[in-house]
Protein backbone atom coordinates (compact mmCIF):
# COMPACT_ATOMS: atom_id res chain seq x y z
CA MET A 1 0.14 -0.33 -0.25
CA ALA A 2 2.08 3.09 -1.37
CA GLY A 3 1.59 6.26 0.61
CA SER A 4 -0.06 4.07 3.59
CA SER A 5 1.31 5.40 7.11
CA HIS A 6 -0.31 1.91 8.59
CA GLY A 7 2.35 0.78 11.24
CA HIS A 8 4.16 4.09 11.50
CA THR A 9 3.03 4.84 14.88
CA PRO A 10 4.69 3.98 18.51
CA ALA A 11 2.04 2.18 19.42
CA ALA A 12 2.09 -0.19 16.54
CA TRP A 13 6.63 -0.35 17.17
CA THR A 14 6.40 -1.19 20.84
CA GLY A 15 3.66 -3.47 20.62
CA VAL A 16 5.48 -5.70 17.45
CA ILE A 17 9.24 -5.23 19.21
CA ILE A 18 7.89 -6.65 22.70
CA SER A 19 6.06 -9.77 20.76
CA PHE A 20 9.33 -9.84 18.45
CA ILE A 21 11.39 -10.63 21.83
CA GLY A 22 8.54 -12.80 23.15
CA PHE A 23 8.66 -14.98 20.17
CA CYS A 24 12.54 -15.09 20.14
CA VAL A 25 12.05 -16.21 23.77
CA ALA A 26 9.38 -19.18 23.11
CA SER A 27 11.84 -20.00 20.13
CA LEU A 28 14.38 -20.47 22.22
CA PHE A 29 12.88 -22.11 24.90
CA MET A 30 11.74 -24.61 22.45
CA VAL A 31 15.11 -25.59 21.46
CA VAL A 32 16.34 -26.27 24.99
CA ALA A 33 12.89 -28.57 25.59
CA SER A 34 11.67 -26.11 28.23
CA PRO A 35 7.71 -26.10 28.10
CA VAL A 36 7.52 -23.37 31.05
CA GLY A 37 9.96 -21.01 29.00
CA PHE A 38 7.91 -21.46 25.89
CA TRP A 39 4.98 -20.58 27.55
CA VAL A 40 6.25 -17.19 29.38
CA GLY A 41 7.69 -16.36 25.70
CA MET A 42 4.27 -16.44 24.21
CA GLY A 43 2.91 -14.70 27.16
CA ILE A 44 5.50 -12.08 26.24
CA VAL A 45 4.18 -12.23 22.86
CA LEU A 46 0.39 -12.03 24.16
CA LEU A 47 1.91 -8.48 26.46
CA GLY A 48 2.99 -6.93 23.18
CA GLY A 49 -0.62 -7.05 22.01
CA VAL A 50 -1.98 -5.26 25.30
CA VAL A 51 0.74 -3.14 25.39
CA GLY A 52 0.29 -1.97 21.51
CA GLY A 53 -3.57 -1.55 22.34
CA ILE A 54 -3.17 0.35 25.53
CA MET A 55 -0.97 2.79 23.90
CA SER A 56 -3.04 3.08 20.87
CA LYS A 57 -6.05 3.86 22.99
CA MET A 58 -3.93 6.31 24.83
CA GLY A 59 -3.47 8.43 21.80
CA MET A 60 -0.17 7.21 20.62
CA GLY A 61 -1.92 4.96 17.36
CA GLN A 62 -2.92 6.10 13.97
CA LYS A 63 -5.56 8.39 14.15
CA PRO A 64 -8.91 7.60 12.23
CA HIS A 65 -9.09 8.71 8.88
CA PHE A 66 -12.20 9.16 6.66
CA HIS A 67 -12.65 9.72 3.06
CA PRO A 68 -13.50 12.90 2.23
CA LEU A 69 -16.43 11.55 -0.16
CA ASN A 70 -17.46 9.41 1.63
CA PRO A 71 -17.74 10.84 5.21
CA PRO A 72 -18.96 8.68 8.52
CA ALA A 73 -22.93 9.21 9.35
CA ALA A 74 -23.80 9.21 13.18
CA GLY A 75 -25.15 5.84 14.12
CA ARG A 76 -25.18 4.95 10.38
CA GLU A 77 -23.13 2.08 8.53
CA PRO A 78 -21.54 2.99 5.60
CA ALA A 79 -23.82 1.62 2.77
CA ARG A 80 -23.18 -2.13 0.98
CA ALA A 81 -24.05 -3.16 -2.45
CA GLU A 82 -26.96 -5.14 -3.12
CA SER A 83 -26.10 -8.47 -5.02
C-alpha cells in the first residue's frame, strides 16, 4: 500500500518489538525443550498486543481517517452493494 501510514506509530512499533522479543524467547525455550519457558515467551507475545492496544487507546496509535467523499454518518453503517 504505497503512501500508507499503516503501522508507523509508537503504539505499533512498541507492540511489535515486545512481541518479537516474546517469539525469540519462546523459540529459544522450544529448542532447549523447556515448556515453561516457551509459555513465558508466548505470554510476552500477548503482552506486546496488550501494550500496543493500550498505547493506541492513549492516543499514540494511528488517527482515524475518513474519505472526504464518504464521511461517516452518525449512527449509520456504510452503504452496502446489493447483489
